[in-house]
Structures are given as structure tokens and as C-alpha cells.
Amino acid sequence: MKVILNQDVIGLGEEGDIKDVADGYARNFLLPKKLAVPHTREFLAALGHKRSAIDKRKAEKRLEAAGLKERLEAEEIRFSVPAGENGKLFGSVNNSNVAVELEKRGYTLEKKRIEIPEHTIRVVGTYKIRIRLYDKEEAAVKLIVEGAAQPGSASTQSKQRAPRARKAEAASAEGAGHAVSAKPEAAIPPAEPAPEVETPAPRTDA
């Protein structure tokens, strides 16, 4: 079935394009959502009247896409995901995650425009993702996925024990310092014996 696109449709075409699509796709998706109209004489005439305005919008979109490409390719997206020692993630990174991260940075992009190698990343590493912008314009963005230790893992527990061990050592050293610096109690000198007093002998008169 031939249709005329009312607006850009990712993977199909741009506003004003005439496309041949499956009947079901047209009747169940494109026409109900007003993304396209049937290829009839009436709509062809309407397209002719709008052609100059459509071409102007296309030129503006291409210019905007070129600027967006330059900004996106200056970005570096980084995710930290729990992973095993072999680098395999306990989870994954997909285009929804990337779309959310880009939105935080001020870019509003449909997730279906973001193409990730094998659709989902499950291993730590550095990747190049492709973002389709407009027409043939696309941006290649650097994506880094790092492994993070899981809570309760051996490495995490050892990191948690380390500060406690240092505190214990410091407390022990402090206690030892107090023991060394403590002054012994002053010895009490022995009491001096009382002086003997001589008693005079009794007098006897002859």
C-alpha cells in the first residue's frame, strides 16, 4: 500500500516521502496514528501545496542534526555496574539506560534512535554506540561500562574491615602509650624510730 508520510518515521522515511508499505502496517499503525495518509490524488495535491514548507523544515532539521552530532560526540557516557571477577555484569546496559543518562545531560532522544552493540551490554568494557539523528546523520558516542563490587562480596567486606582494623590498631597503640607514660606511685618512706629518752636513776641519801 502506498502512503504519504505526514511526519518523520524512524526507519521508514521523512515528512513528505511517498512509501510503499505493508497493508497491515499502514492500517494498524501509520494511518491511525496520523503518521501518514493514503496515496490518493487529493493528498498528492495537498502535498504539492506544502512541498516548499516541507523542504524548508527538512533543511532546518539537517542543520540541527549536524550541531547535535558535534555535541553528542564530545560526550562520554560512563556506567558502574556490579560485576564478577571475570568482568561479566550482574545486570546489563541497554538503550533505555543510555536515553535516561542523556536526558540528565539535556538531550531528549527516543531510545529507538540509540543503537547498542548486540542490543544489550553484559560485559565491562569500552564501546561505541550509534545514535541516529536525522536523515543519514548519526553520532558515534563513547560508552564505558565499569565493574562495581557487589554489596556483601569479599572485596567489599575486606574494604569495610580495613578501616575497623586501622581503628583497632590506633586504639591499641594509644593504650600502649598511656601504659608507658604512666608514672609509678611515689614510695612512702619508712617511719623513723622515736628517740630513746634516758630515765635518771633515783637518788639515795647516805
N, C-alpha and C. Protein backbone atom coordinates (compact mmCIF):
# COMPACT_ATOMS: atom_id res chain seq x y z
N MET A 1 0.85 -1.20 0.00
CA MET A 1 0.00 0.00 0.00
C MET A 1 0.89 1.25 0.00
N LYS A 2 0.56 2.21 -0.86
CA LYS A 2 1.33 3.46 -0.92
C LYS A 2 0.74 4.48 0.04
N VAL A 3 1.66 5.16 0.76
CA VAL A 3 1.23 6.20 1.70
C VAL A 3 2.14 7.42 1.54
N ILE A 4 1.65 8.56 2.01
CA ILE A 4 2.45 9.79 2.06
C ILE A 4 2.69 10.10 3.54
N LEU A 5 3.95 10.21 3.93
CA LEU A 5 4.27 10.44 5.35
C LEU A 5 3.93 11.87 5.75
N ASN A 6 3.20 11.99 6.87
CA ASN A 6 2.88 13.30 7.43
C ASN A 6 4.01 13.84 8.29
N GLN A 7 4.86 12.94 8.77
CA GLN A 7 5.99 13.33 9.62
C GLN A 7 7.07 12.28 9.51
N ASP A 8 8.22 12.56 10.10
CA ASP A 8 9.34 11.62 10.05
C ASP A 8 8.99 10.36 10.82
N VAL A 9 9.33 9.22 10.24
CA VAL A 9 9.14 7.92 10.90
C VAL A 9 10.48 7.21 10.87
N ILE A 10 11.03 6.95 12.05
CA ILE A 10 12.36 6.33 12.14
C ILE A 10 12.36 4.99 11.41
N GLY A 11 13.35 4.81 10.57
CA GLY A 11 13.49 3.57 9.84
C GLY A 11 12.64 3.48 8.58
N LEU A 12 11.79 4.48 8.33
CA LEU A 12 10.93 4.45 7.16
C LEU A 12 11.19 5.62 6.23
N GLY A 13 11.09 6.84 6.73
CA GLY A 13 11.32 7.98 5.86
C GLY A 13 11.00 9.30 6.53
N GLU A 14 11.06 10.38 5.75
CA GLU A 14 10.84 11.72 6.26
C GLU A 14 9.49 12.27 5.83
N GLU A 15 9.11 13.36 6.46
CA GLU A 15 7.86 14.04 6.12
C GLU A 15 7.82 14.33 4.62
N GLY A 16 6.68 14.00 3.98
CA GLY A 16 6.52 14.26 2.56
C GLY A 16 6.95 13.12 1.66
N ASP A 17 7.64 12.12 2.21
CA ASP A 17 8.08 10.99 1.39
C ASP A 17 6.89 10.10 1.03
N ILE A 18 6.95 9.52 -0.14
CA ILE A 18 5.94 8.55 -0.58
C ILE A 18 6.56 7.15 -0.42
N LYS A 19 5.90 6.30 0.35
CA LYS A 19 6.45 4.99 0.67
C LYS A 19 5.45 3.88 0.36
N ASP A 20 6.00 2.74 -0.01
CA ASP A 20 5.20 1.54 -0.25
C ASP A 20 5.38 0.64 0.98
N VAL A 21 4.33 0.41 1.74
CA VAL A 21 4.42 -0.36 2.98
C VAL A 21 3.39 -1.49 2.97
N ALA A 22 3.55 -2.40 3.94
CA ALA A 22 2.58 -3.49 4.08
C ALA A 22 1.22 -2.92 4.47
N ASP A 23 0.17 -3.54 3.98
CA ASP A 23 -1.19 -3.06 4.26
C ASP A 23 -1.47 -3.00 5.77
N GLY A 24 -1.09 -4.05 6.48
CA GLY A 24 -1.34 -4.10 7.92
C GLY A 24 -0.59 -3.00 8.67
N TYR A 25 0.64 -2.74 8.26
CA TYR A 25 1.43 -1.69 8.90
C TYR A 25 0.78 -0.33 8.70
N ALA A 26 0.24 -0.11 7.49
CA ALA A 26 -0.42 1.16 7.20
C ALA A 26 -1.73 1.29 7.98
N ARG A 27 -2.56 0.26 7.92
CA ARG A 27 -3.90 0.35 8.54
C ARG A 27 -3.86 0.31 10.06
N ASN A 28 -2.91 -0.46 10.62
CA ASN A 28 -2.87 -0.64 12.08
C ASN A 28 -1.96 0.34 12.80
N PHE A 29 -1.05 0.97 12.08
CA PHE A 29 -0.09 1.85 12.76
C PHE A 29 -0.01 3.25 12.14
N LEU A 30 0.39 3.32 10.89
CA LEU A 30 0.65 4.63 10.28
C LEU A 30 -0.60 5.50 10.16
N LEU A 31 -1.67 4.96 9.63
CA LEU A 31 -2.88 5.76 9.41
C LEU A 31 -3.60 6.10 10.72
N PRO A 32 -3.79 5.15 11.67
CA PRO A 32 -4.47 5.52 12.93
C PRO A 32 -3.71 6.57 13.73
N LYS A 33 -2.39 6.54 13.66
CA LYS A 33 -1.59 7.50 14.41
C LYS A 33 -1.35 8.79 13.63
N LYS A 34 -1.93 8.87 12.44
CA LYS A 34 -1.81 10.05 11.56
C LYS A 34 -0.36 10.35 11.19
N LEU A 35 0.43 9.28 11.14
CA LEU A 35 1.81 9.44 10.69
C LEU A 35 1.86 9.50 9.17
N ALA A 36 0.80 9.04 8.54
CA ALA A 36 0.76 9.04 7.08
C ALA A 36 -0.69 9.13 6.61
N VAL A 37 -0.85 9.43 5.32
CA VAL A 37 -2.18 9.47 4.69
C VAL A 37 -2.11 8.59 3.44
N PRO A 38 -3.24 8.11 2.97
CA PRO A 38 -3.22 7.28 1.76
C PRO A 38 -2.70 8.05 0.55
N HIS A 39 -2.10 7.34 -0.37
CA HIS A 39 -1.57 7.94 -1.59
C HIS A 39 -2.72 8.09 -2.59
N THR A 40 -3.42 9.21 -2.47
CA THR A 40 -4.55 9.49 -3.35
C THR A 40 -4.31 10.81 -4.07
N ARG A 41 -5.12 11.07 -5.10
CA ARG A 41 -4.98 12.31 -5.86
C ARG A 41 -5.17 13.53 -4.96
N GLU A 42 -6.13 13.41 -4.04
CA GLU A 42 -6.41 14.54 -3.14
C GLU A 42 -5.21 14.86 -2.26
N PHE A 43 -4.63 13.83 -1.65
CA PHE A 43 -3.49 14.06 -0.75
C PHE A 43 -2.23 14.43 -1.53
N LEU A 44 -2.11 13.96 -2.76
CA LEU A 44 -0.98 14.35 -3.59
C LEU A 44 -1.04 15.85 -3.92
N ALA A 45 -2.25 16.34 -4.16
CA ALA A 45 -2.43 17.77 -4.44
C ALA A 45 -2.07 18.59 -3.21
N ALA A 46 -2.49 18.12 -2.04
CA ALA A 46 -2.17 18.83 -0.79
C ALA A 46 -0.67 18.83 -0.55
N LEU A 47 -0.02 17.70 -0.88
CA LEU A 47 1.43 17.61 -0.71
C LEU A 47 2.14 18.62 -1.60
N GLY A 48 1.64 18.82 -2.81
CA GLY A 48 2.24 19.79 -3.72
C GLY A 48 2.19 21.20 -3.18
N HIS A 49 1.12 21.54 -2.51
CA HIS A 49 0.98 22.89 -1.93
C HIS A 49 1.94 23.09 -0.73
N LYS A 50 2.23 21.98 -0.04
CA LYS A 50 3.07 22.07 1.18
C LYS A 50 4.53 21.79 0.90
N ARG A 51 4.87 21.45 -0.32
CA ARG A 51 6.22 20.98 -0.61
C ARG A 51 7.30 21.98 -0.22
N SER A 52 7.13 23.26 -0.52
CA SER A 52 8.17 24.24 -0.20
C SER A 52 8.37 24.36 1.31
N ALA A 53 7.27 24.34 2.07
CA ALA A 53 7.38 24.42 3.53
C ALA A 53 8.05 23.17 4.10
N ILE A 54 7.75 22.02 3.51
CA ILE A 54 8.35 20.76 3.96
C ILE A 54 9.86 20.77 3.69
N ASP A 55 10.24 21.23 2.51
CA ASP A 55 11.67 21.28 2.17
C ASP A 55 12.43 22.23 3.11
N LYS A 56 11.79 23.31 3.48
CA LYS A 56 12.43 24.25 4.40
C LYS A 56 12.64 23.61 5.77
N ARG A 57 11.63 22.87 6.24
CA ARG A 57 11.76 22.19 7.54
C ARG A 57 12.84 21.13 7.49
N LYS A 58 12.95 20.44 6.38
CA LYS A 58 13.99 19.41 6.24
C LYS A 58 15.39 20.02 6.34
N ALA A 59 15.57 21.15 5.70
CA ALA A 59 16.87 21.83 5.73
C ALA A 59 17.22 22.25 7.16
N GLU A 60 16.22 22.74 7.89
CA GLU A 60 16.44 23.15 9.28
C GLU A 60 16.79 21.94 10.16
N LYS A 61 16.12 20.83 9.92
CA LYS A 61 16.38 19.61 10.70
C LYS A 61 17.78 19.07 10.44
N ARG A 62 18.22 19.14 9.20
CA ARG A 62 19.57 18.67 8.88
C ARG A 62 20.62 19.54 9.56
N LEU A 63 20.41 20.83 9.59
CA LEU A 63 21.34 21.75 10.24
C LEU A 63 21.38 21.49 11.74
N GLU A 64 20.21 21.28 12.33
CA GLU A 64 20.12 21.00 13.76
C GLU A 64 20.79 19.67 14.09
N ALA A 65 20.60 18.67 13.23
CA ALA A 65 21.20 17.36 13.45
C ALA A 65 22.72 17.43 13.41
N ALA A 66 23.27 18.25 12.53
CA ALA A 66 24.72 18.39 12.43
C ALA A 66 25.29 18.98 13.72
N GLY A 67 24.61 19.99 14.27
CA GLY A 67 25.07 20.58 15.54
C GLY A 67 24.94 19.61 16.70
N LEU A 68 23.85 18.84 16.71
CA LEU A 68 23.62 17.86 17.77
C LEU A 68 24.66 16.75 17.72
N LYS A 69 25.02 16.35 16.52
CA LYS A 69 26.05 15.32 16.35
C LYS A 69 27.37 15.76 16.99
N GLU A 70 27.75 16.99 16.73
CA GLU A 70 29.01 17.51 17.27
C GLU A 70 29.00 17.52 18.80
N ARG A 71 27.87 17.92 19.39
CA ARG A 71 27.78 17.95 20.86
C ARG A 71 27.78 16.55 21.47
N LEU A 72 27.04 15.65 20.84
CA LEU A 72 26.95 14.29 21.36
C LEU A 72 28.30 13.58 21.32
N GLU A 73 29.04 13.78 20.24
CA GLU A 73 30.32 13.08 20.10
C GLU A 73 31.39 13.62 21.04
N ALA A 74 31.10 14.75 21.68
CA ALA A 74 32.02 15.28 22.70
C ALA A 74 31.70 14.68 24.08
N GLU A 75 30.60 13.97 24.17
CA GLU A 75 30.19 13.37 25.44
C GLU A 75 30.89 12.02 25.65
N GLU A 76 31.00 11.64 26.92
CA GLU A 76 31.48 10.31 27.29
C GLU A 76 30.53 9.77 28.35
N ILE A 77 29.86 8.69 28.06
CA ILE A 77 28.88 8.12 28.98
C ILE A 77 29.54 6.99 29.76
N ARG A 78 29.35 7.00 31.07
CA ARG A 78 30.01 6.01 31.92
C ARG A 78 28.98 5.40 32.88
N PHE A 79 28.98 4.08 32.96
CA PHE A 79 28.12 3.36 33.89
C PHE A 79 28.97 2.48 34.80
N SER A 80 28.61 2.38 36.07
CA SER A 80 29.26 1.48 37.01
C SER A 80 28.23 0.45 37.43
N VAL A 81 28.49 -0.81 37.06
CA VAL A 81 27.51 -1.89 37.26
C VAL A 81 28.17 -3.02 38.04
N PRO A 82 27.49 -3.60 39.04
CA PRO A 82 28.07 -4.75 39.76
C PRO A 82 28.49 -5.85 38.78
N ALA A 83 29.70 -6.38 38.98
CA ALA A 83 30.22 -7.38 38.05
C ALA A 83 31.06 -8.40 38.80
N GLY A 84 31.22 -9.57 38.19
CA GLY A 84 32.06 -10.60 38.76
C GLY A 84 33.51 -10.36 38.40
N GLU A 85 34.40 -11.23 38.93
CA GLU A 85 35.82 -11.07 38.67
C GLU A 85 36.17 -11.25 37.19
N ASN A 86 35.33 -11.99 36.47
CA ASN A 86 35.58 -12.20 35.04
C ASN A 86 35.07 -11.06 34.17
N GLY A 87 34.50 -10.01 34.81
CA GLY A 87 34.02 -8.85 34.07
C GLY A 87 32.58 -8.97 33.59
N LYS A 88 31.94 -10.08 33.88
CA LYS A 88 30.55 -10.24 33.46
C LYS A 88 29.64 -9.49 34.42
N LEU A 89 28.73 -8.70 33.85
CA LEU A 89 27.87 -7.85 34.67
C LEU A 89 26.76 -8.65 35.35
N PHE A 90 26.43 -8.25 36.57
CA PHE A 90 25.24 -8.77 37.24
C PHE A 90 24.09 -7.84 36.87
N GLY A 91 23.74 -7.85 35.60
CA GLY A 91 22.76 -6.92 35.06
C GLY A 91 23.14 -6.61 33.62
N SER A 92 22.73 -5.47 33.10
CA SER A 92 23.06 -5.12 31.73
C SER A 92 22.87 -3.62 31.52
N VAL A 93 23.36 -3.14 30.39
CA VAL A 93 23.18 -1.75 29.98
C VAL A 93 22.51 -1.78 28.60
N ASN A 94 21.40 -1.05 28.45
CA ASN A 94 20.69 -1.04 27.17
C ASN A 94 20.38 0.39 26.74
N ASN A 95 19.65 0.53 25.65
CA ASN A 95 19.39 1.87 25.11
C ASN A 95 18.51 2.72 26.02
N SER A 96 17.68 2.07 26.85
CA SER A 96 16.86 2.83 27.81
C SER A 96 17.75 3.51 28.85
N ASN A 97 18.78 2.78 29.34
CA ASN A 97 19.72 3.36 30.31
C ASN A 97 20.44 4.56 29.71
N VAL A 98 20.85 4.41 28.46
CA VAL A 98 21.59 5.49 27.78
C VAL A 98 20.68 6.70 27.57
N ALA A 99 19.43 6.44 27.18
CA ALA A 99 18.48 7.55 26.95
C ALA A 99 18.24 8.34 28.23
N VAL A 100 18.13 7.63 29.36
CA VAL A 100 17.93 8.30 30.66
C VAL A 100 19.15 9.15 31.01
N GLU A 101 20.34 8.59 30.81
CA GLU A 101 21.57 9.33 31.12
C GLU A 101 21.71 10.56 30.24
N LEU A 102 21.38 10.43 28.96
CA LEU A 102 21.46 11.57 28.05
C LEU A 102 20.44 12.65 28.41
N GLU A 103 19.27 12.21 28.89
CA GLU A 103 18.25 13.18 29.29
C GLU A 103 18.73 14.01 30.48
N LYS A 104 19.48 13.38 31.39
CA LYS A 104 20.05 14.11 32.53
C LYS A 104 21.00 15.21 32.05
N ARG A 105 21.59 15.00 30.88
CA ARG A 105 22.55 15.97 30.35
C ARG A 105 21.90 16.96 29.38
N GLY A 106 20.57 16.87 29.26
CA GLY A 106 19.86 17.84 28.44
C GLY A 106 19.51 17.41 27.03
N TYR A 107 19.71 16.12 26.71
CA TYR A 107 19.38 15.61 25.38
C TYR A 107 18.10 14.77 25.46
N THR A 108 17.11 15.12 24.69
CA THR A 108 15.88 14.33 24.65
C THR A 108 15.87 13.54 23.35
N LEU A 109 16.13 12.22 23.47
CA LEU A 109 16.21 11.36 22.30
C LEU A 109 15.38 10.10 22.54
N GLU A 110 14.66 9.68 21.52
CA GLU A 110 13.91 8.43 21.63
C GLU A 110 14.89 7.27 21.75
N LYS A 111 14.59 6.33 22.62
CA LYS A 111 15.51 5.21 22.84
C LYS A 111 15.71 4.37 21.58
N LYS A 112 14.70 4.34 20.69
CA LYS A 112 14.86 3.54 19.47
C LYS A 112 15.85 4.17 18.50
N ARG A 113 16.27 5.42 18.76
CA ARG A 113 17.30 6.04 17.93
C ARG A 113 18.70 5.61 18.39
N ILE A 114 18.78 5.02 19.57
CA ILE A 114 20.07 4.65 20.15
C ILE A 114 20.35 3.18 19.88
N GLU A 115 21.45 2.92 19.19
CA GLU A 115 21.80 1.54 18.83
C GLU A 115 23.04 1.11 19.59
N ILE A 116 22.88 0.02 20.36
CA ILE A 116 23.95 -0.52 21.19
C ILE A 116 24.42 -1.84 20.59
N PRO A 117 25.73 -2.11 20.62
CA PRO A 117 26.22 -3.39 20.08
C PRO A 117 25.48 -4.58 20.70
N GLU A 118 24.94 -5.44 19.86
CA GLU A 118 24.20 -6.63 20.29
C GLU A 118 22.99 -6.27 21.16
N HIS A 119 22.54 -5.02 21.07
CA HIS A 119 21.33 -4.52 21.75
C HIS A 119 21.49 -4.36 23.27
N THR A 120 22.29 -5.20 23.90
CA THR A 120 22.47 -5.15 25.36
C THR A 120 23.92 -5.44 25.69
N ILE A 121 24.49 -4.65 26.60
CA ILE A 121 25.88 -4.86 27.04
C ILE A 121 25.86 -5.64 28.34
N ARG A 122 26.61 -6.75 28.39
CA ARG A 122 26.64 -7.60 29.58
C ARG A 122 28.05 -7.83 30.13
N VAL A 123 29.04 -7.15 29.52
CA VAL A 123 30.44 -7.31 29.95
C VAL A 123 31.08 -5.93 30.06
N VAL A 124 31.93 -5.74 31.07
CA VAL A 124 32.61 -4.45 31.22
C VAL A 124 33.48 -4.19 29.99
N GLY A 125 33.67 -2.92 29.69
CA GLY A 125 34.49 -2.57 28.53
C GLY A 125 34.15 -1.19 27.99
N THR A 126 34.80 -0.83 26.90
CA THR A 126 34.57 0.44 26.22
C THR A 126 33.90 0.17 24.88
N TYR A 127 32.82 0.88 24.62
CA TYR A 127 32.02 0.63 23.43
C TYR A 127 31.76 1.93 22.67
N LYS A 128 31.37 1.77 21.41
CA LYS A 128 30.89 2.89 20.60
C LYS A 128 29.42 2.63 20.29
N ILE A 129 28.57 3.55 20.69
CA ILE A 129 27.15 3.41 20.38
C ILE A 129 26.78 4.39 19.28
N ARG A 130 25.76 4.04 18.51
CA ARG A 130 25.35 4.87 17.38
C ARG A 130 23.99 5.49 17.69
N ILE A 131 23.89 6.79 17.46
CA ILE A 131 22.62 7.49 17.67
C ILE A 131 22.18 8.09 16.34
N ARG A 132 21.06 7.62 15.84
CA ARG A 132 20.53 8.13 14.57
C ARG A 132 19.81 9.45 14.84
N LEU A 133 20.15 10.47 14.08
CA LEU A 133 19.62 11.80 14.32
C LEU A 133 18.56 12.18 13.28
N TYR A 134 18.98 12.53 12.08
CA TYR A 134 18.02 12.90 11.04
C TYR A 134 18.60 12.53 9.69
N ASP A 135 17.73 11.97 8.84
CA ASP A 135 18.14 11.52 7.52
C ASP A 135 19.32 10.55 7.69
N LYS A 136 20.48 10.86 7.09
CA LYS A 136 21.63 9.96 7.21
C LYS A 136 22.61 10.40 8.29
N GLU A 137 22.25 11.43 9.03
CA GLU A 137 23.14 11.97 10.07
C GLU A 137 23.04 11.09 11.32
N GLU A 138 24.20 10.71 11.84
CA GLU A 138 24.24 9.92 13.08
C GLU A 138 25.48 10.27 13.88
N ALA A 139 25.41 10.03 15.19
CA ALA A 139 26.53 10.34 16.09
C ALA A 139 27.08 9.05 16.69
N ALA A 140 28.40 8.99 16.82
CA ALA A 140 29.07 7.86 17.48
C ALA A 140 29.53 8.35 18.85
N VAL A 141 29.02 7.73 19.90
CA VAL A 141 29.30 8.19 21.27
C VAL A 141 30.04 7.11 22.04
N LYS A 142 31.03 7.53 22.82
CA LYS A 142 31.82 6.60 23.62
C LYS A 142 31.06 6.21 24.88
N LEU A 143 30.98 4.90 25.13
CA LEU A 143 30.29 4.37 26.31
C LEU A 143 31.25 3.47 27.08
N ILE A 144 31.46 3.78 28.36
CA ILE A 144 32.35 2.99 29.21
C ILE A 144 31.52 2.31 30.29
N VAL A 145 31.65 0.99 30.38
CA VAL A 145 30.95 0.22 31.41
C VAL A 145 32.00 -0.35 32.35
N GLU A 146 31.95 0.07 33.62
CA GLU A 146 32.91 -0.37 34.63
C GLU A 146 32.24 -1.35 35.59
N GLY A 147 33.06 -2.24 36.14
CA GLY A 147 32.54 -3.18 37.12
C GLY A 147 32.59 -2.59 38.52
N ALA A 148 31.53 -2.79 39.26
CA ALA A 148 31.47 -2.33 40.66
C ALA A 148 31.28 -3.55 41.55
N ALA A 149 31.94 -3.55 42.71
CA ALA A 149 31.81 -4.68 43.64
C ALA A 149 30.40 -4.75 44.19
N GLN A 150 29.89 -5.97 44.32
CA GLN A 150 28.56 -6.15 44.89
C GLN A 150 28.61 -5.97 46.40
N PRO A 151 27.54 -5.40 47.00
CA PRO A 151 27.48 -5.34 48.47
C PRO A 151 27.52 -6.75 49.04
N GLY A 152 28.39 -6.95 50.05
CA GLY A 152 28.48 -8.27 50.66
C GLY A 152 29.54 -9.16 50.03
N SER A 153 30.18 -8.70 48.93
CA SER A 153 31.21 -9.51 48.30
C SER A 153 32.48 -9.46 49.13
N ALA A 154 33.40 -10.40 48.82
CA ALA A 154 34.63 -10.49 49.61
C ALA A 154 35.43 -9.21 49.55
N SER A 155 35.52 -8.61 48.35
CA SER A 155 36.30 -7.37 48.22
C SER A 155 35.66 -6.23 49.00
N THR A 156 34.32 -6.19 48.98
CA THR A 156 33.63 -5.13 49.72
C THR A 156 33.83 -5.32 51.21
N GLN A 157 33.74 -6.58 51.68
CA GLN A 157 33.92 -6.84 53.11
C GLN A 157 35.32 -6.50 53.57
N SER A 158 36.33 -6.82 52.70
CA SER A 158 37.70 -6.50 53.09
C SER A 158 37.90 -5.00 53.18
N LYS A 159 37.24 -4.25 52.27
CA LYS A 159 37.34 -2.79 52.31
C LYS A 159 36.67 -2.25 53.57
N GLN A 160 35.56 -2.90 53.98
CA GLN A 160 34.86 -2.44 55.17
C GLN A 160 35.65 -2.80 56.43
N ARG A 161 36.39 -3.95 56.40
CA ARG A 161 37.16 -4.36 57.57
C ARG A 161 38.39 -3.49 57.77
N ALA A 162 38.95 -3.01 56.66
CA ALA A 162 40.20 -2.25 56.74
C ALA A 162 40.10 -1.06 57.68
N PRO A 163 39.09 -0.17 57.56
CA PRO A 163 39.00 0.97 58.47
C PRO A 163 38.87 0.53 59.93
N ARG A 164 38.09 -0.56 60.15
CA ARG A 164 37.92 -1.02 61.54
C ARG A 164 39.24 -1.52 62.10
N ALA A 165 40.02 -2.25 61.25
CA ALA A 165 41.31 -2.76 61.70
C ALA A 165 42.25 -1.61 62.04
N ARG A 166 42.23 -0.56 61.20
CA ARG A 166 43.10 0.59 61.48
C ARG A 166 42.72 1.27 62.78
N LYS A 167 41.40 1.38 63.03
CA LYS A 167 40.95 1.99 64.27
C LYS A 167 41.39 1.18 65.48
N ALA A 168 41.29 -0.18 65.34
CA ALA A 168 41.70 -1.05 66.44
C ALA A 168 43.19 -0.91 66.72
N GLU A 169 43.99 -0.85 65.64
CA GLU A 169 45.43 -0.69 65.82
C GLU A 169 45.75 0.64 66.49
N ALA A 170 45.05 1.69 66.09
CA ALA A 170 45.29 3.01 66.68
C ALA A 170 44.93 3.01 68.15
N ALA A 171 43.81 2.36 68.49
CA ALA A 171 43.39 2.30 69.89
C ALA A 171 44.40 1.52 70.72
N SER A 172 44.92 0.41 70.14
CA SER A 172 45.91 -0.40 70.84
C SER A 172 47.18 0.38 71.09
N ALA A 173 47.62 1.12 70.04
CA ALA A 173 48.84 1.92 70.18
C ALA A 173 48.65 3.02 71.21
N GLU A 174 47.46 3.60 71.24
CA GLU A 174 47.18 4.66 72.21
C GLU A 174 47.22 4.12 73.62
N GLY A 175 46.66 2.90 73.79
CA GLY A 175 46.67 2.29 75.12
C GLY A 175 48.08 1.98 75.58
N ALA A 176 48.90 1.49 74.64
CA ALA A 176 50.29 1.19 74.99
C ALA A 176 51.03 2.45 75.39
N GLY A 177 50.74 3.54 74.69
CA GLY A 177 51.40 4.81 75.00
C GLY A 177 51.05 5.28 76.40
N HIS A 178 49.77 5.10 76.77
CA HIS A 178 49.36 5.50 78.12
C HIS A 178 50.08 4.66 79.17
N ALA A 179 50.25 3.36 78.89
CA ALA A 179 50.89 2.47 79.86
C ALA A 179 52.34 2.85 80.07
N VAL A 180 53.01 3.23 78.96
CA VAL A 180 54.43 3.59 79.07
C VAL A 180 54.59 4.91 79.80
N SER A 181 53.71 5.85 79.56
CA SER A 181 53.88 7.18 80.13
C SER A 181 53.35 7.30 81.55
N ALA A 182 52.65 6.27 82.03
CA ALA A 182 52.09 6.36 83.38
C ALA A 182 53.21 6.42 84.41
N LYS A 183 53.11 7.31 85.40
CA LYS A 183 54.15 7.48 86.42
C LYS A 183 53.87 6.55 87.59
N PRO A 184 54.93 5.86 88.12
CA PRO A 184 54.69 4.99 89.28
C PRO A 184 54.32 5.84 90.50
N GLU A 185 53.55 5.23 91.36
CA GLU A 185 53.15 5.96 92.57
C GLU A 185 54.37 6.21 93.45
N ALA A 186 54.44 7.37 94.11
CA ALA A 186 55.58 7.72 94.97
C ALA A 186 55.64 6.77 96.17
N ALA A 187 56.85 6.26 96.46
CA ALA A 187 57.00 5.33 97.60
C ALA A 187 56.92 6.11 98.91
N ILE A 188 56.28 5.53 99.90
CA ILE A 188 56.15 6.18 101.22
C ILE A 188 57.36 5.81 102.05
N PRO A 189 58.15 6.82 102.49
CA PRO A 189 59.37 6.49 103.26
C PRO A 189 59.00 5.85 104.59
N PRO A 190 59.85 4.91 105.06
CA PRO A 190 59.55 4.24 106.35
C PRO A 190 59.63 5.25 107.51
N ALA A 191 58.81 5.03 108.48
CA ALA A 191 58.77 5.94 109.64
C ALA A 191 60.06 5.81 110.45
N GLU A 192 60.61 6.98 110.90
CA GLU A 192 61.83 6.97 111.70
C GLU A 192 61.50 6.53 113.13
N PRO A 193 62.38 5.75 113.72
CA PRO A 193 62.11 5.31 115.12
C PRO A 193 62.15 6.49 116.11
N ALA A 194 61.33 6.42 117.10
CA ALA A 194 61.27 7.50 118.11
C ALA A 194 62.56 7.52 118.93
N PRO A 195 63.10 8.71 119.26
CA PRO A 195 64.36 8.78 120.05
C PRO A 195 64.15 8.25 121.47
N GLU A 196 65.20 7.54 121.92
CA GLU A 196 65.10 6.97 123.28
C GLU A 196 65.33 8.08 124.33
N VAL A 197 64.60 8.05 125.39
CA VAL A 197 64.72 9.05 126.48
C VAL A 197 65.30 8.35 127.70
N GLU A 198 66.45 8.91 128.22
CA GLU A 198 67.07 8.29 129.39
C GLU A 198 66.33 8.72 130.67
N THR A 199 66.08 7.73 131.49
CA THR A 199 65.39 7.99 132.77
C THR A 199 66.45 8.11 133.87
N PRO A 200 66.50 9.26 134.57
CA PRO A 200 67.56 9.42 135.62
C PRO A 200 67.36 8.40 136.75
N ALA A 201 68.48 7.90 137.31
CA ALA A 201 68.42 6.92 138.42
C ALA A 201 67.94 7.62 139.68
N PRO A 202 67.24 6.95 140.53
CA PRO A 202 66.74 7.57 141.79
C PRO A 202 67.89 7.92 142.72
N ARG A 203 67.77 9.02 143.43
CA ARG A 203 68.84 9.47 144.39
C ARG A 203 68.66 8.74 145.70
N THR A 204 69.79 8.46 146.34
CA THR A 204 69.74 7.84 147.68
C THR A 204 70.60 8.69 148.62
N ASP A 205 70.03 9.13 149.79
CA ASP A 205 70.79 9.94 150.77
C ASP A 205 71.49 8.99 151.74
N ALA A 206 72.73 9.26 152.03
CA ALA A 206 73.50 8.44 152.97
C ALA A 206 73.05 8.80 154.39
